[in-house]
Amino acid sequence: MYVLSLQLSSGLGISSVLNGMVGSAMALDLAKSHNVSLSDNNLESLNKIKSQDNSISIHQLDVQDKIALQEWIKPADIVLLAVPGFLGYDALETIIEAGKNVVDISFSPENVLELNNLAQQKNVIAVVDAGVAPGIPNYLLGYYNTKMDIHAFEYCVGGLPKNPTPPFYYKAPFSPIDVIEEYTRPARMMIDGKLVTKPALSEIETITFEECGALEAFNTDGLRSILLTMNHIPNMKEKTLRYPKHASLMKDYKEKGLFNAENINDTSEKLFKEWKLKENEEEFTIMDILIEGKENRIEYHLYDEFNIESNTTSMARTTGYTATATINLILDTLWTNKGVFPPETIGEKEQCLDYILSYLSNRNISITKK
């Protein structure tokens, strides 16, 4: 029996973005200690991953074929779901209906917590948003929420090339459609105890980092489940980091209607080519996290670069290994409650947070407390 199956299929040509980076990192990491079966709609991508570890079983599959998906995961003890966001909710629902435990990093726009009753009925553990962000900040917030009266929570995060070039000064470490979603979906946040919505790409501010110099931070809709699970915290926001000039260019794209429904396919296809990381192109992931109370101010910093030894991008490592840590956490029975859970709920259990941080540290991903 396969200990787990990874479902990376998108049914679209963009699936290779996941497979070449995040999907490959997850599959190879898990194959070190588990039997892994991997599926995707792109056979070439599957063969490329298998060539790196012949123990991985591969299967060509379209995630939108619910019957085929449920049949394929029958032998699995647990499933890892990583598809573009617009496919995530339906795929997650199909996996839960099949009675399989699942970790999901698809970041679908729908409220996946609505599947909680179904997961409980099916006796399933489903952990969602278990990537770098959402993911790591959620785990930390959940833990500190049990230790202090939090008045403010915010984080900024970005995955960027080390050598940016005009006009975009950006390369996408994951699906361009999901990046565009960040630029178009209104950003929800908590301000003085009230839920407030502001345009994506708004309130641009410059933040200088020791590792990479000045970056621009702007509003995006990254709080997701935290707006529901932690709505007692009066001030919360999330921002995305990019090099200067990128946000203004994306605003221009938005104003010209290039992200509208009738143009989105053409735009994403063009940006896929422009934003695609070259093989072995150096990049990094950077994140600052702030958790603040009346008497406590907790700050964490993450900086991770392309790993030459394993030939893995920082975004693949930070996102993928957070997901594989969560898979192993469930397999090691540190979390046994049934239902749909975001990481902040699991992080309330100190043993779970320690497990995630230790797992990442063992893979040379350092999350330092300032």
Protein backbone atom coordinates (compact mmCIF):
# COMPACT_ATOMS: atom_id res chain seq x y z
CA MET A 1 0.00 0.00 0.00
CA TYR A 2 1.23 3.46 -0.81
CA VAL A 3 1.64 5.54 2.30
CA LEU A 4 0.58 8.61 0.40
CA SER A 5 -0.30 9.96 -3.01
CA LEU A 6 0.58 13.40 -4.30
CA GLN A 7 -1.98 14.94 -6.63
CA LEU A 8 -0.43 17.72 -8.68
CA SER A 9 -2.63 17.55 -11.74
CA SER A 10 -4.15 20.73 -13.12
CA GLY A 11 -5.52 19.51 -16.41
CA LEU A 12 -3.76 22.55 -17.91
CA GLY A 13 -0.39 23.31 -19.39
CA ILE A 14 0.62 25.26 -16.30
CA SER A 15 0.95 22.09 -14.24
CA SER A 16 4.65 21.88 -15.02
CA VAL A 17 5.28 24.89 -12.77
CA LEU A 18 4.19 22.89 -9.76
CA ASN A 19 5.92 19.71 -10.81
CA GLY A 20 9.24 21.27 -11.65
CA MET A 21 9.50 23.09 -8.36
CA VAL A 22 7.19 22.55 -5.42
CA GLY A 23 5.83 19.18 -6.54
CA SER A 24 9.26 17.73 -7.22
CA ALA A 25 10.61 18.90 -3.86
CA MET A 26 7.68 17.38 -1.98
CA ALA A 27 7.76 14.07 -3.83
CA LEU A 28 11.49 13.59 -3.40
CA ASP A 29 11.37 14.59 0.27
CA LEU A 30 8.57 12.17 1.11
CA ALA A 31 10.05 9.34 -0.96
CA LYS A 32 12.99 9.22 1.47
CA SER A 33 10.79 7.56 4.08
CA HIS A 34 7.48 6.66 2.41
CA ASN A 35 6.10 4.92 -0.64
CA VAL A 36 4.93 7.72 -2.93
CA SER A 37 2.56 7.66 -5.87
CA LEU A 38 2.50 10.84 -7.94
CA SER A 39 -0.06 11.97 -10.49
CA ASP A 40 -0.30 14.82 -12.95
CA ASN A 41 -1.86 15.51 -16.31
CA ASN A 42 1.60 16.13 -17.78
CA LEU A 43 3.43 12.84 -18.36
CA GLU A 44 6.68 14.57 -19.24
CA SER A 45 6.76 16.26 -15.84
CA LEU A 46 6.02 12.97 -14.10
CA ASN A 47 8.85 11.20 -15.90
CA LYS A 48 11.25 14.00 -15.00
CA ILE A 49 10.52 13.54 -11.29
CA LYS A 50 10.69 9.75 -11.53
CA SER A 51 14.11 10.02 -13.17
CA GLN A 52 15.36 11.56 -9.92
CA ASP A 53 13.92 8.77 -7.76
CA ASN A 54 12.82 5.57 -9.45
CA SER A 55 10.94 4.43 -6.34
CA ILE A 56 8.22 7.02 -7.03
CA SER A 57 5.22 5.54 -8.83
CA ILE A 58 3.67 7.83 -11.45
CA HIS A 59 0.20 7.98 -12.97
CA GLN A 60 -1.18 10.36 -15.59
CA LEU A 61 -4.45 11.83 -14.36
CA ASP A 62 -6.70 14.87 -14.76
CA VAL A 63 -7.74 16.11 -11.31
CA GLN A 64 -11.06 17.27 -12.74
CA ASP A 65 -12.03 13.64 -13.40
CA LYS A 66 -13.51 12.94 -9.97
CA ILE A 67 -14.11 9.22 -10.54
CA ALA A 68 -10.56 8.65 -11.77
CA LEU A 69 -9.15 10.69 -8.88
CA GLN A 70 -11.05 8.73 -6.25
CA GLU A 71 -10.06 5.43 -7.86
CA TRP A 72 -6.39 6.38 -7.96
CA ILE A 73 -6.19 7.40 -4.29
CA LYS A 74 -7.95 4.26 -2.99
CA PRO A 75 -4.72 2.60 -1.75
CA ALA A 76 -3.37 5.78 -0.14
CA ASP A 77 -3.14 6.42 3.58
CA ILE A 78 -2.93 10.16 2.99
CA VAL A 79 -3.05 12.55 0.02
CA LEU A 80 -1.12 15.74 -0.64
CA LEU A 81 -3.03 18.12 -2.90
CA ALA A 82 -1.21 20.83 -4.86
CA VAL A 83 -3.17 22.27 -7.77
CA PRO A 84 -3.87 25.82 -9.00
CA GLY A 85 -6.27 27.57 -6.64
CA PHE A 86 -9.29 27.59 -8.94
CA LEU A 87 -9.25 23.77 -9.00
CA GLY A 88 -8.52 23.28 -5.31
CA TYR A 89 -11.94 23.27 -3.66
CA ASP A 90 -13.53 20.64 -5.89
CA ALA A 91 -10.47 18.42 -5.72
CA LEU A 92 -10.32 18.69 -1.93
CA GLU A 93 -14.00 17.85 -1.66
CA THR A 94 -13.51 14.78 -3.88
CA ILE A 95 -10.62 13.55 -1.72
CA ILE A 96 -12.58 14.03 1.50
CA GLU A 97 -15.59 12.25 0.01
CA ALA A 98 -13.27 9.32 -0.70
CA GLY A 99 -12.49 9.15 3.03
CA LYS A 100 -8.81 10.04 2.72
CA ASN A 101 -6.74 12.19 5.05
CA VAL A 102 -5.33 15.11 3.09
CA VAL A 103 -2.92 18.05 3.29
CA ASP A 104 -3.78 20.82 0.83
CA ILE A 105 -1.61 23.69 -0.43
CA SER A 106 -3.84 24.76 -3.33
CA PHE A 107 -4.95 28.01 -1.64
CA SER A 108 -8.34 27.99 -3.36
CA PRO A 109 -10.38 31.22 -3.16
CA GLU A 110 -13.40 29.47 -1.66
CA ASN A 111 -13.83 28.98 2.10
CA VAL A 112 -12.55 25.42 2.45
CA LEU A 113 -13.57 25.37 6.12
CA GLU A 114 -17.10 24.81 4.79
CA LEU A 115 -16.02 21.22 4.13
CA ASN A 116 -15.53 20.62 7.87
CA ASN A 117 -18.84 18.79 8.39
CA LEU A 118 -18.14 16.51 5.43
CA ALA A 119 -14.67 15.72 6.77
CA GLN A 120 -16.10 14.86 10.18
CA GLN A 121 -18.74 12.64 8.58
CA LYS A 122 -16.05 10.85 6.58
CA ASN A 123 -13.74 10.56 9.62
CA VAL A 124 -11.05 12.51 7.76
CA ILE A 125 -8.23 14.85 8.80
CA ALA A 126 -7.86 17.67 6.27
CA VAL A 127 -5.20 20.32 6.86
CA VAL A 128 -5.44 23.25 4.46
CA ASP A 129 -3.12 26.18 3.61
CA ALA A 130 -0.11 24.24 4.85
CA GLY A 131 2.56 26.05 2.83
CA VAL A 132 5.03 28.81 3.54
CA ALA A 133 2.40 31.60 3.68
CA PRO A 134 -0.34 30.92 4.46
CA GLY A 135 1.19 28.22 6.60
CA ILE A 136 4.18 29.09 8.75
CA PRO A 137 2.72 32.40 10.08
CA ASN A 138 -0.50 30.52 10.90
CA TYR A 139 1.28 27.84 12.91
CA LEU A 140 3.13 30.52 14.91
CA LEU A 141 0.01 32.64 15.48
CA GLY A 142 -1.92 29.62 16.74
CA TYR A 143 0.75 28.88 19.32
CA TYR A 144 1.13 32.46 20.61
CA ASN A 145 -2.64 32.87 20.74
CA THR A 146 -2.58 30.39 23.63
CA LYS A 147 0.18 32.31 25.42
CA MET A 148 -0.72 36.00 25.17
CA ASP A 149 -3.43 38.53 24.47
CA ILE A 150 -2.63 39.45 20.87
CA HIS A 151 -3.55 42.94 19.68
CA ALA A 152 -1.87 42.88 16.27
CA PHE A 153 -0.69 40.31 13.75
CA GLU A 154 0.85 40.99 10.39
CA TYR A 155 3.30 39.50 7.98
CA CYS A 156 4.88 40.30 4.62
CA VAL A 157 6.25 37.67 2.27
CA GLY A 158 7.67 37.27 -1.21
CA GLY A 159 9.48 34.84 -3.48
CA LEU A 160 11.83 36.73 -5.81
CA PRO A 161 14.72 36.30 -8.26
CA LYS A 162 18.12 37.36 -6.96
CA ASN A 163 18.87 39.17 -10.22
CA PRO A 164 15.65 40.94 -11.30
CA THR A 165 15.29 42.25 -14.84
CA PRO A 166 12.89 44.83 -16.33
CA PRO A 167 10.09 45.33 -16.99
CA PHE A 168 8.64 42.94 -14.38
CA TYR A 169 11.55 42.58 -11.92
CA TYR A 170 9.90 39.29 -11.02
CA LYS A 171 9.81 35.55 -11.73
CA ALA A 172 6.94 33.35 -10.57
CA PRO A 173 7.92 30.34 -8.46
CA PHE A 174 4.39 28.94 -8.89
CA SER A 175 1.40 29.20 -11.21
CA PRO A 176 1.03 32.68 -12.79
CA ILE A 177 -2.76 32.36 -12.51
CA ASP A 178 -2.40 32.15 -8.73
CA VAL A 179 -0.08 35.17 -8.73
CA ILE A 180 -2.59 37.18 -10.76
CA GLU A 181 -5.27 36.14 -8.26
CA GLU A 182 -3.21 37.88 -5.57
CA TYR A 183 -3.26 41.06 -7.64
CA THR A 184 -7.00 41.06 -8.34
CA ARG A 185 -8.76 39.66 -5.26
CA PRO A 186 -9.68 42.39 -2.73
CA ALA A 187 -7.52 42.27 0.38
CA ARG A 188 -9.40 41.59 3.62
CA MET A 189 -7.91 42.70 6.93
CA MET A 190 -8.87 43.60 10.48
CA ILE A 191 -8.52 47.22 11.56
CA ASP A 192 -9.58 48.22 15.10
CA GLY A 193 -11.77 45.15 15.38
CA LYS A 194 -13.59 45.64 12.09
CA LEU A 195 -13.30 43.61 8.89
CA VAL A 196 -12.07 46.00 6.19
CA THR A 197 -11.56 45.34 2.49
CA LYS A 198 -9.04 47.26 0.40
CA PRO A 199 -7.92 46.84 -3.21
CA ALA A 200 -5.09 44.43 -3.89
CA LEU A 201 -1.82 46.22 -4.73
CA SER A 202 -2.85 49.16 -2.50
CA GLU A 203 -0.95 50.97 0.28
CA ILE A 204 2.49 50.36 -1.17
CA GLU A 205 5.29 50.86 1.35
CA THR A 206 9.05 50.37 1.08
CA ILE A 207 10.80 47.99 3.48
CA THR A 208 14.58 47.52 3.50
CA PHE A 209 15.99 44.07 4.23
CA GLU A 210 19.59 43.26 5.05
CA GLU A 211 19.69 40.39 2.55
CA CYS A 212 18.21 42.07 -0.52
CA GLY A 213 17.80 45.81 0.01
CA ALA A 214 14.60 47.75 -0.61
CA LEU A 215 11.40 45.90 -1.49
CA GLU A 216 7.83 47.15 -1.86
CA ALA A 217 5.04 45.68 0.25
CA PHE A 218 1.39 45.97 -0.78
CA ASN A 219 -1.97 44.63 0.39
CA THR A 220 -3.03 41.15 -0.66
CA ASP A 221 -5.70 38.75 0.59
CA GLY A 222 -3.46 36.31 2.43
CA LEU A 223 -5.08 36.13 5.88
CA ARG A 224 -7.72 33.68 4.66
CA SER A 225 -8.89 31.38 7.51
CA ILE A 226 -7.31 33.59 10.16
CA LEU A 227 -10.09 36.14 9.62
CA LEU A 228 -12.50 33.52 10.96
CA THR A 229 -10.45 31.58 13.48
CA MET A 230 -8.66 34.58 15.02
CA ASN A 231 -11.25 37.34 14.60
CA HIS A 232 -10.79 38.34 18.25
CA ILE A 233 -7.47 39.95 17.24
CA PRO A 234 -8.37 43.57 16.43
CA ASN A 235 -5.61 44.33 13.91
CA MET A 236 -4.40 41.88 11.25
CA LYS A 237 -2.99 42.30 7.75
CA GLU A 238 -0.87 40.52 5.17
CA LYS A 239 1.29 42.05 2.45
CA THR A 240 3.17 40.70 -0.54
CA LEU A 241 6.78 41.73 -1.25
CA ARG A 242 8.10 42.61 -4.69
CA TYR A 243 10.94 44.65 -6.14
CA PRO A 244 10.14 48.33 -6.80
CA LYS A 245 8.23 49.08 -10.04
CA HIS A 246 6.52 45.68 -10.21
CA ALA A 247 3.37 46.71 -8.32
CA SER A 248 2.83 49.83 -10.44
CA LEU A 249 3.15 47.75 -13.62
CA MET A 250 0.61 45.23 -12.32
CA LYS A 251 -1.73 48.09 -11.44
CA ASP A 252 -1.41 49.23 -15.03
CA TYR A 253 -2.24 45.73 -16.30
CA LYS A 254 -5.25 45.69 -14.02
CA GLU A 255 -6.52 49.11 -15.13
CA LYS A 256 -6.18 48.12 -18.79
CA GLY A 257 -8.38 45.07 -18.19
CA LEU A 258 -5.66 42.52 -18.90
CA PHE A 259 -6.68 40.57 -15.80
CA ASN A 260 -10.39 40.56 -16.71
CA ALA A 261 -12.12 37.25 -17.43
CA GLU A 262 -12.03 37.72 -21.22
CA ASN A 263 -8.28 38.42 -21.21
CA ILE A 264 -6.95 36.36 -18.31
CA ASN A 265 -6.01 33.27 -20.32
CA ASP A 266 -3.98 35.21 -22.86
CA THR A 267 -2.37 37.33 -20.15
CA SER A 268 -1.41 34.35 -17.99
CA GLU A 269 0.00 32.52 -21.01
CA LYS A 270 2.22 35.49 -21.85
CA LEU A 271 3.27 36.04 -18.25
CA PHE A 272 4.01 32.33 -17.84
CA LYS A 273 6.75 32.75 -20.44
CA GLU A 274 8.01 36.04 -19.04
CA TRP A 275 7.96 34.92 -15.41
CA LYS A 276 9.30 31.41 -15.77
CA LEU A 277 12.43 30.79 -13.73
CA LYS A 278 15.33 29.49 -15.77
CA GLU A 279 16.96 26.24 -14.75
CA ASN A 280 19.20 26.83 -11.72
CA GLU A 281 18.24 30.53 -11.63
CA GLU A 282 19.00 31.93 -8.19
CA GLU A 283 16.03 33.16 -6.17
CA PHE A 284 15.01 33.61 -2.56
CA THR A 285 12.03 33.63 -0.22
CA ILE A 286 11.78 36.29 2.47
CA MET A 287 9.21 36.84 5.22
CA ASP A 288 8.74 38.96 8.33
CA ILE A 289 6.12 38.03 10.93
CA LEU A 290 4.92 40.26 13.77
CA ILE A 291 2.76 39.16 16.71
CA GLU A 292 2.16 41.93 19.20
CA GLY A 293 0.41 42.24 22.56
CA LYS A 294 0.32 44.87 25.30
CA GLU A 295 3.58 43.69 26.84
CA ASN A 296 4.98 41.36 24.20
CA ARG A 297 6.30 41.93 20.71
CA ILE A 298 7.24 38.71 18.92
CA GLU A 299 9.05 38.92 15.59
CA TYR A 300 10.20 36.15 13.26
CA HIS A 301 12.24 36.34 10.08
CA LEU A 302 12.68 33.82 7.29
CA TYR A 303 15.21 34.06 4.49
CA ASP A 304 15.97 31.11 2.26
CA GLU A 305 17.85 30.86 -1.04
CA PHE A 306 17.98 28.47 -3.98
CA ASN A 307 19.72 25.29 -2.80
CA ILE A 308 22.50 24.32 -5.19
CA GLU A 309 23.13 20.88 -3.66
CA SER A 310 19.54 19.67 -4.04
CA ASN A 311 18.79 21.91 -7.05
CA THR A 312 15.60 23.16 -5.37
CA THR A 313 14.20 26.67 -5.29
CA SER A 314 13.60 28.40 -1.99
CA MET A 315 9.86 28.61 -2.69
CA ALA A 316 9.78 24.87 -3.39
CA ARG A 317 11.66 24.21 -0.15
CA THR A 318 9.74 26.55 2.14
CA THR A 319 6.30 25.73 0.71
CA GLY A 320 6.90 22.07 -0.05
CA TYR A 321 8.67 21.11 3.17
CA THR A 322 6.03 22.81 5.31
CA ALA A 323 3.49 20.61 3.53
CA THR A 324 5.57 17.43 3.91
CA ALA A 325 6.17 18.28 7.56
CA THR A 326 2.39 18.44 7.99
CA ILE A 327 1.99 15.09 6.21
CA ASN A 328 4.46 13.48 8.59
CA LEU A 329 2.90 15.18 11.60
CA ILE A 330 -0.39 13.44 10.78
CA LEU A 331 1.26 10.09 10.01
CA ASP A 332 3.09 10.31 13.35
CA THR A 333 -0.32 10.85 15.02
CA LEU A 334 0.56 14.18 16.60
CA TRP A 335 -2.79 15.44 15.29
CA THR A 336 -5.75 13.06 15.33
CA ASN A 337 -8.83 15.33 15.41
CA LYS A 338 -11.21 14.87 12.49
CA GLY A 339 -12.37 17.76 10.34
CA VAL A 340 -10.89 20.57 8.24
CA PHE A 341 -8.17 22.50 10.04
CA PRO A 342 -6.03 25.50 9.10
CA PRO A 343 -2.48 25.54 10.53
CA GLU A 344 -3.31 28.09 13.24
CA THR A 345 -5.59 25.55 14.90
CA ILE A 346 -2.91 22.86 14.87
CA GLY A 347 -0.26 25.34 16.02
CA GLU A 348 -2.14 25.79 19.29
CA LYS A 349 -0.62 22.45 20.27
CA GLU A 350 3.01 23.25 21.16
CA GLN A 351 4.21 19.78 20.19
CA CYS A 352 2.85 20.30 16.69
CA LEU A 353 4.55 23.68 16.21
CA ASP A 354 7.84 22.27 17.49
CA TYR A 355 7.51 19.37 15.05
CA ILE A 356 7.02 21.69 12.05
CA LEU A 357 9.88 24.02 12.98
CA SER A 358 12.22 21.12 13.70
CA TYR A 359 11.35 19.44 10.40
CA LEU A 360 12.14 22.65 8.50
CA SER A 361 15.33 23.24 10.49
CA ASN A 362 16.54 19.73 9.62
CA ARG A 363 16.22 20.80 5.97
CA ASN A 364 18.20 23.99 6.61
CA ILE A 365 15.20 26.30 6.57
CA SER A 366 15.75 28.75 9.39
CA ILE A 367 12.90 30.74 10.95
CA THR A 368 14.65 33.01 13.40
CA LYS A 369 13.09 34.82 16.31
CA LYS A 370 14.33 38.42 16.44
